[in-house]
């Protein structure tokens, strides 16, 4: 085994010494640095665009869900308040539905567009 290891080490050493090694002149390092910077900035730009698209999608879906929920919330509040099952909870549900409707219809669409 040691003979095989010695042969492998000598072959690898010979290959490394024979292969041409690029000189470390400033032009090569600047070019490689600019390429690296371009690649990193491209990746970061793609991540930023994807994150913005995802945030916009989440906001639009949230607005749709809230838009569907505030009407039944108000109906349940009205039923609880009128039937006197729980007037306090009914009033709170009505106020919550009105606040959700106000923000859903007037405030949040400003941020989406």
C-alpha atoms as a PDB file:
ATOM      1  CA  UNK A   1       0.000   0.000   0.000  1.00  0.00           C
ATOM      2  CA  UNK A   2       2.726   2.456   0.813  1.00  0.00           C
ATOM      3  CA  UNK A   3       4.280   1.941  -2.624  1.00  0.00           C
ATOM      4  CA  UNK A   4       0.940   2.810  -4.296  1.00  0.00           C
ATOM      5  CA  UNK A   5       0.603   5.918  -2.092  1.00  0.00           C
ATOM      6  CA  UNK A   6       4.124   7.008  -2.971  1.00  0.00           C
ATOM      7  CA  UNK A   7       3.443   6.592  -6.691  1.00  0.00           C
ATOM      8  CA  UNK A   8       0.176   8.569  -6.428  1.00  0.00           C
ATOM      9  CA  UNK A   9       1.863  11.387  -4.533  1.00  0.00           C
ATOM     10  CA  UNK A  10       4.688  11.572  -7.066  1.00  0.00           C
ATOM     11  CA  UNK A  11       2.250  11.578 -10.022  1.00  0.00           C
ATOM     12  CA  UNK A  12       0.161  14.342  -8.456  1.00  0.00           C
ATOM     13  CA  UNK A  13       3.273  16.367  -7.675  1.00  0.00           C
ATOM     14  CA  UNK A  14       4.513  15.932 -11.237  1.00  0.00           C
ATOM     15  CA  UNK A  15       1.157  17.028 -12.691  1.00  0.00           C
ATOM     16  CA  UNK A  16       1.029  20.102 -10.484  1.00  0.00           C
ATOM     17  CA  UNK A  17       4.569  21.130 -11.412  1.00  0.00           C
ATOM     18  CA  UNK A  18       3.987  20.587 -15.154  1.00  0.00           C
ATOM     19  CA  UNK A  19       0.639  22.389 -15.435  1.00  0.00           C
ATOM     20  CA  UNK A  20       0.976  26.051 -16.320  1.00  0.00           C
ATOM     21  CA  UNK A  21       0.086  28.319 -13.465  1.00  0.00           C
ATOM     22  CA  UNK A  22      -1.467  31.689 -14.256  1.00  0.00           C
ATOM     23  CA  UNK A  23       0.688  34.581 -13.203  1.00  0.00           C
ATOM     24  CA  UNK A  24      -0.752  36.820 -10.533  1.00  0.00           C
ATOM     25  CA  UNK A  25      -0.732  40.024 -12.506  1.00  0.00           C
ATOM     26  CA  UNK A  26      -3.158  42.787 -11.559  1.00  0.00           C
ATOM     27  CA  UNK A  27      -5.186  42.485 -14.772  1.00  0.00           C
ATOM     28  CA  UNK A  28      -6.262  38.903 -14.091  1.00  0.00           C
ATOM     29  CA  UNK A  29      -7.228  39.622 -10.492  1.00  0.00           C
ATOM     30  CA  UNK A  30      -9.193  42.742 -11.449  1.00  0.00           C
ATOM     31  CA  UNK A  31     -11.028  40.919 -14.212  1.00  0.00           C
ATOM     32  CA  UNK A  32     -11.876  38.001 -11.954  1.00  0.00           C
ATOM     33  CA  UNK A  33     -12.969  40.381  -9.188  1.00  0.00           C
ATOM     34  CA  UNK A  34     -15.241  42.286 -11.554  1.00  0.00           C
ATOM     35  CA  UNK A  35     -16.723  39.015 -12.858  1.00  0.00           C
ATOM     36  CA  UNK A  36     -17.285  37.846  -9.289  1.00  0.00           C
ATOM     37  CA  UNK A  37     -18.910  41.177  -8.402  1.00  0.00           C
ATOM     38  CA  UNK A  38     -21.176  40.967 -11.459  1.00  0.00           C
ATOM     39  CA  UNK A  39     -22.264  37.437 -10.555  1.00  0.00           C
ATOM     40  CA  UNK A  40     -22.959  38.341  -6.921  1.00  0.00           C
ATOM     41  CA  UNK A  41     -24.877  41.492  -7.868  1.00  0.00           C
ATOM     42  CA  UNK A  42     -26.921  39.512 -10.395  1.00  0.00           C
ATOM     43  CA  UNK A  43     -27.808  36.913  -7.768  1.00  0.00           C
ATOM     44  CA  UNK A  44     -28.708  39.592  -5.224  1.00  0.00           C
ATOM     45  CA  UNK A  45     -30.876  41.424  -7.762  1.00  0.00           C
ATOM     46  CA  UNK A  46     -32.728  38.208  -8.568  1.00  0.00           C
ATOM     47  CA  UNK A  47     -33.282  37.510  -4.867  1.00  0.00           C
ATOM     48  CA  UNK A  48     -34.535  41.070  -4.348  1.00  0.00           C
ATOM     49  CA  UNK A  49     -37.000  40.828  -7.246  1.00  0.00           C
ATOM     50  CA  UNK A  50     -38.263  37.458  -6.042  1.00  0.00           C
ATOM     51  CA  UNK A  51     -38.710  38.767  -2.508  1.00  0.00           C
ATOM     52  CA  UNK A  52     -40.618  41.815  -3.745  1.00  0.00           C
ATOM     53  CA  UNK A  53     -42.906  39.632  -5.878  1.00  0.00           C
ATOM     54  CA  UNK A  54     -43.517  37.286  -2.938  1.00  0.00           C
ATOM     55  CA  UNK A  55     -44.311  40.179  -0.571  1.00  0.00           C
ATOM     56  CA  UNK A  56     -46.741  41.675  -3.085  1.00  0.00           C
ATOM     57  CA  UNK A  57     -48.426  38.312  -3.556  1.00  0.00           C
ATOM     58  CA  UNK A  58     -48.775  37.800   0.214  1.00  0.00           C
ATOM     59  CA  UNK A  59     -50.257  41.287   0.617  1.00  0.00           C
ATOM     60  CA  UNK A  60     -52.771  40.744  -2.190  1.00  0.00           C
ATOM     61  CA  UNK A  61     -53.827  37.358  -0.789  1.00  0.00           C
ATOM     62  CA  UNK A  62     -54.174  38.871   2.697  1.00  0.00           C
ATOM     63  CA  UNK A  63     -56.377  41.630   1.314  1.00  0.00           C
ATOM     64  CA  UNK A  64     -58.564  39.054  -0.433  1.00  0.00           C
ATOM     65  CA  UNK A  65     -58.931  36.977   2.737  1.00  0.00           C
ATOM     66  CA  UNK A  66     -59.756  40.007   4.894  1.00  0.00           C
ATOM     67  CA  UNK A  67     -62.217  41.215   2.251  1.00  0.00           C
ATOM     68  CA  UNK A  68     -64.076  37.923   2.491  1.00  0.00           C
ATOM     69  CA  UNK A  69     -64.061  37.860   6.303  1.00  0.00           C
ATOM     70  CA  UNK A  70     -65.295  41.282   7.377  1.00  0.00           C
ATOM     71  CA  UNK A  71     -68.874  40.842   6.081  1.00  0.00           C
ATOM     72  CA  UNK A  72     -69.586  37.574   7.973  1.00  0.00           C
ATOM     73  CA  UNK A  73     -67.915  39.081  11.027  1.00  0.00           C
ATOM     74  CA  UNK A  74     -70.363  41.980  10.937  1.00  0.00           C
ATOM     75  CA  UNK A  75     -73.332  39.633  10.396  1.00  0.00           C
ATOM     76  CA  UNK A  76     -72.387  37.488  13.408  1.00  0.00           C
ATOM     77  CA  UNK A  77     -71.903  40.655  15.458  1.00  0.00           C
ATOM     78  CA  UNK A  78     -75.336  41.965  14.482  1.00  0.00           C
ATOM     79  CA  UNK A  79     -76.986  38.631  15.305  1.00  0.00           C
ATOM     80  CA  UNK A  80     -75.301  38.480  18.716  1.00  0.00           C
ATOM     81  CA  UNK A  81     -76.187  42.080  19.484  1.00  0.00           C
ATOM     82  CA  UNK A  82     -79.835  41.953  18.353  1.00  0.00           C
ATOM     83  CA  UNK A  83     -80.671  38.619  19.975  1.00  0.00           C
ATOM     84  CA  UNK A  84     -79.015  39.756  23.234  1.00  0.00           C
ATOM     85  CA  UNK A  85     -77.048  36.520  23.458  1.00  0.00           C
ATOM     86  CA  UNK A  86     -73.899  38.511  24.065  1.00  0.00           C
ATOM     87  CA  UNK A  87     -74.333  42.215  23.403  1.00  0.00           C
ATOM     88  CA  UNK A  88     -70.776  43.153  24.354  1.00  0.00           C
ATOM     89  CA  UNK A  89     -69.222  40.584  21.978  1.00  0.00           C
ATOM     90  CA  UNK A  90     -71.688  41.564  19.248  1.00  0.00           C
ATOM     91  CA  UNK A  91     -70.749  45.220  19.552  1.00  0.00           C
ATOM     92  CA  UNK A  92     -67.036  44.377  19.500  1.00  0.00           C
ATOM     93  CA  UNK A  93     -67.472  42.221  16.398  1.00  0.00           C
ATOM     94  CA  UNK A  94     -69.362  44.989  14.613  1.00  0.00           C
ATOM     95  CA  UNK A  95     -66.686  47.549  15.475  1.00  0.00           C
ATOM     96  CA  UNK A  96     -63.956  45.121  14.363  1.00  0.00           C
ATOM     97  CA  UNK A  97     -65.736  44.467  11.077  1.00  0.00           C
ATOM     98  CA  UNK A  98     -66.116  48.194  10.446  1.00  0.00           C
ATOM     99  CA  UNK A  99     -62.411  48.792  11.145  1.00  0.00           C
ATOM    100  CA  UNK A 100     -61.400  45.897   8.869  1.00  0.00           C
ATOM    101  CA  UNK A 101     -63.680  47.190   6.123  1.00  0.00           C
ATOM    102  CA  UNK A 102     -62.287  50.716   6.431  1.00  0.00           C
ATOM    103  CA  UNK A 103     -58.671  49.583   6.260  1.00  0.00           C
ATOM    104  CA  UNK A 104     -59.422  47.016   3.568  1.00  0.00           C
ATOM    105  CA  UNK A 105     -61.227  49.416   1.261  1.00  0.00           C
ATOM    106  CA  UNK A 106     -59.409  52.712   1.818  1.00  0.00           C
ATOM    107  CA  UNK A 107     -56.005  52.366   3.488  1.00  0.00           C
ATOM    108  CA  UNK A 108     -54.394  49.109   2.311  1.00  0.00           C
ATOM    109  CA  UNK A 109     -55.081  49.473  -1.450  1.00  0.00           C
ATOM    110  CA  UNK A 110     -52.791  52.521  -1.392  1.00  0.00           C
ATOM    111  CA  UNK A 111     -49.864  50.252  -0.436  1.00  0.00           C
ATOM    112  CA  UNK A 112     -50.635  47.583  -3.031  1.00  0.00           C
ATOM    113  CA  UNK A 113     -50.614  49.940  -6.011  1.00  0.00           C
END
